[in-house]
Amino acid sequence: MLERTRLYAPTVILGFLIFYFAFQALTGERGLLSARRRQETLTARTAELKDLQAQSADLSARIRLLNPDSLSADLLEERARSLLGFIRPNEYVIRMPVSAG
């Protein structure tokens, strides 16, 4: 009986290894069946990247306007009034919550 076990042990181990790697090739993180999930993640991250690039461009434009060499008085006044909460007597301020993204 012990000889028979020794004879078939390498075959059984090899069979389990083949099964394990085949299973991982199909269902693993980078497997064939998870391609749709990876594509959905890529699409979502691409959209997020476009949003962040647009925000970056907007912030860069605002930074250029706040540069002392090309200071925009209107932008400076807008930011100061917004941050400090100052309004003129004939103005109304409606504060909107800033969306996180």
Protein backbone atom coordinates (compact mmCIF):
# COMPACT_ATOMS: atom_id res chain seq x y z
CA MET A 1 0.00 0.00 0.00
CA LEU A 2 2.83 2.39 0.88
CA GLU A 3 4.53 1.67 -2.44
CA ARG A 4 1.32 2.42 -4.32
CA THR A 5 0.99 5.75 -2.47
CA ARG A 6 4.57 6.68 -3.30
CA LEU A 7 3.95 5.74 -6.92
CA TYR A 8 0.86 7.95 -7.34
CA ALA A 9 1.86 10.87 -5.07
CA PRO A 10 3.78 12.84 -7.75
CA THR A 11 0.90 12.37 -10.21
CA VAL A 12 -1.66 13.58 -7.66
CA ILE A 13 0.48 16.55 -6.69
CA LEU A 14 1.01 17.46 -10.34
CA GLY A 15 -2.73 17.13 -10.95
CA PHE A 16 -3.51 19.51 -8.07
CA LEU A 17 -0.95 22.00 -9.35
CA ILE A 18 -2.43 21.91 -12.85
CA PHE A 19 -5.92 22.38 -11.41
CA TYR A 20 -4.77 25.28 -9.20
CA PHE A 21 -3.04 27.16 -12.03
CA ALA A 22 -5.93 26.55 -14.45
CA PHE A 23 -8.39 27.82 -11.83
CA GLN A 24 -6.28 30.94 -11.23
CA ALA A 25 -5.93 31.55 -14.98
CA LEU A 26 -9.70 31.66 -15.26
CA THR A 27 -10.86 33.34 -12.04
CA GLY A 28 -7.79 35.02 -10.56
CA GLU A 29 -7.18 38.75 -10.29
CA ARG A 30 -5.73 38.85 -13.80
CA GLY A 31 -7.72 35.89 -15.08
CA LEU A 32 -9.75 35.59 -18.22
CA LEU A 33 -13.10 35.97 -16.44
CA SER A 34 -12.14 39.21 -14.68
CA ALA A 35 -11.42 41.14 -17.90
CA ARG A 36 -14.79 42.93 -17.75
CA ARG A 37 -14.14 44.13 -14.21
CA ARG A 38 -10.72 45.44 -15.25
CA GLN A 39 -12.26 47.24 -18.24
CA GLU A 40 -14.92 48.85 -16.04
CA THR A 41 -12.24 49.98 -13.58
CA LEU A 42 -10.18 51.39 -16.44
CA THR A 43 -13.18 53.31 -17.79
CA ALA A 44 -13.98 54.76 -14.37
CA ARG A 45 -10.35 55.74 -13.73
CA THR A 46 -10.10 57.35 -17.18
CA ALA A 47 -13.17 59.49 -16.45
CA GLU A 48 -11.73 60.41 -13.06
CA LEU A 49 -8.43 61.36 -14.71
CA LYS A 50 -10.23 63.67 -17.15
CA ASP A 51 -12.05 65.37 -14.27
CA LEU A 52 -8.81 65.84 -12.34
CA GLN A 53 -7.06 67.23 -15.42
CA ALA A 54 -9.88 69.73 -15.90
CA GLN A 55 -9.65 70.76 -12.24
CA SER A 56 -5.90 71.08 -12.58
CA ALA A 57 -6.23 73.31 -15.65
CA ASP A 58 -8.79 75.49 -13.84
CA LEU A 59 -6.56 75.84 -10.79
CA SER A 60 -3.55 76.63 -12.97
CA ALA A 61 -5.52 79.39 -14.69
CA ARG A 62 -6.56 80.83 -11.33
CA ILE A 63 -2.98 80.69 -10.07
CA ARG A 64 -1.79 82.59 -13.14
CA LEU A 65 -4.43 85.26 -12.45
CA LEU A 66 -3.22 85.62 -8.86
CA ASN A 67 0.39 86.12 -9.95
CA PRO A 68 1.60 89.60 -8.84
CA ASP A 69 2.70 90.40 -12.40
CA SER A 70 -0.77 89.76 -13.85
CA LEU A 71 -3.02 90.18 -10.83
CA SER A 72 -6.71 90.26 -11.70
CA ALA A 73 -8.42 92.74 -9.41
CA ASP A 74 -11.81 91.12 -10.02
CA LEU A 75 -10.57 87.67 -9.06
CA LEU A 76 -8.80 89.05 -6.00
CA GLU A 77 -11.94 90.86 -4.89
CA GLU A 78 -14.10 87.78 -5.53
CA ARG A 79 -11.83 85.52 -3.47
CA ALA A 80 -11.44 88.02 -0.62
CA ARG A 81 -15.17 88.63 -0.39
CA SER A 82 -15.91 84.91 -0.57
CA LEU A 83 -13.39 83.94 2.08
CA LEU A 84 -14.10 86.83 4.42
CA GLY A 85 -17.86 86.87 3.88
CA PHE A 86 -18.09 90.57 2.96
CA ILE A 87 -21.04 91.79 0.92
CA ARG A 88 -22.31 95.15 -0.23
CA PRO A 89 -25.59 96.47 1.21
CA ASN A 90 -27.55 95.72 -1.99
CA GLU A 91 -26.19 92.18 -2.49
CA TYR A 92 -27.43 88.77 -1.48
CA VAL A 93 -25.11 85.83 -0.88
CA ILE A 94 -26.29 82.29 -1.41
CA ARG A 95 -23.74 79.77 -0.18
CA MET A 96 -23.72 76.45 -1.97
CA PRO A 97 -21.94 73.39 -0.56
CA VAL A 98 -18.82 72.53 -2.51
CA SER A 99 -19.10 69.07 -4.05
CA ALA A 100 -16.21 66.70 -3.26
CA GLY A 101 -16.03 65.43 -6.81
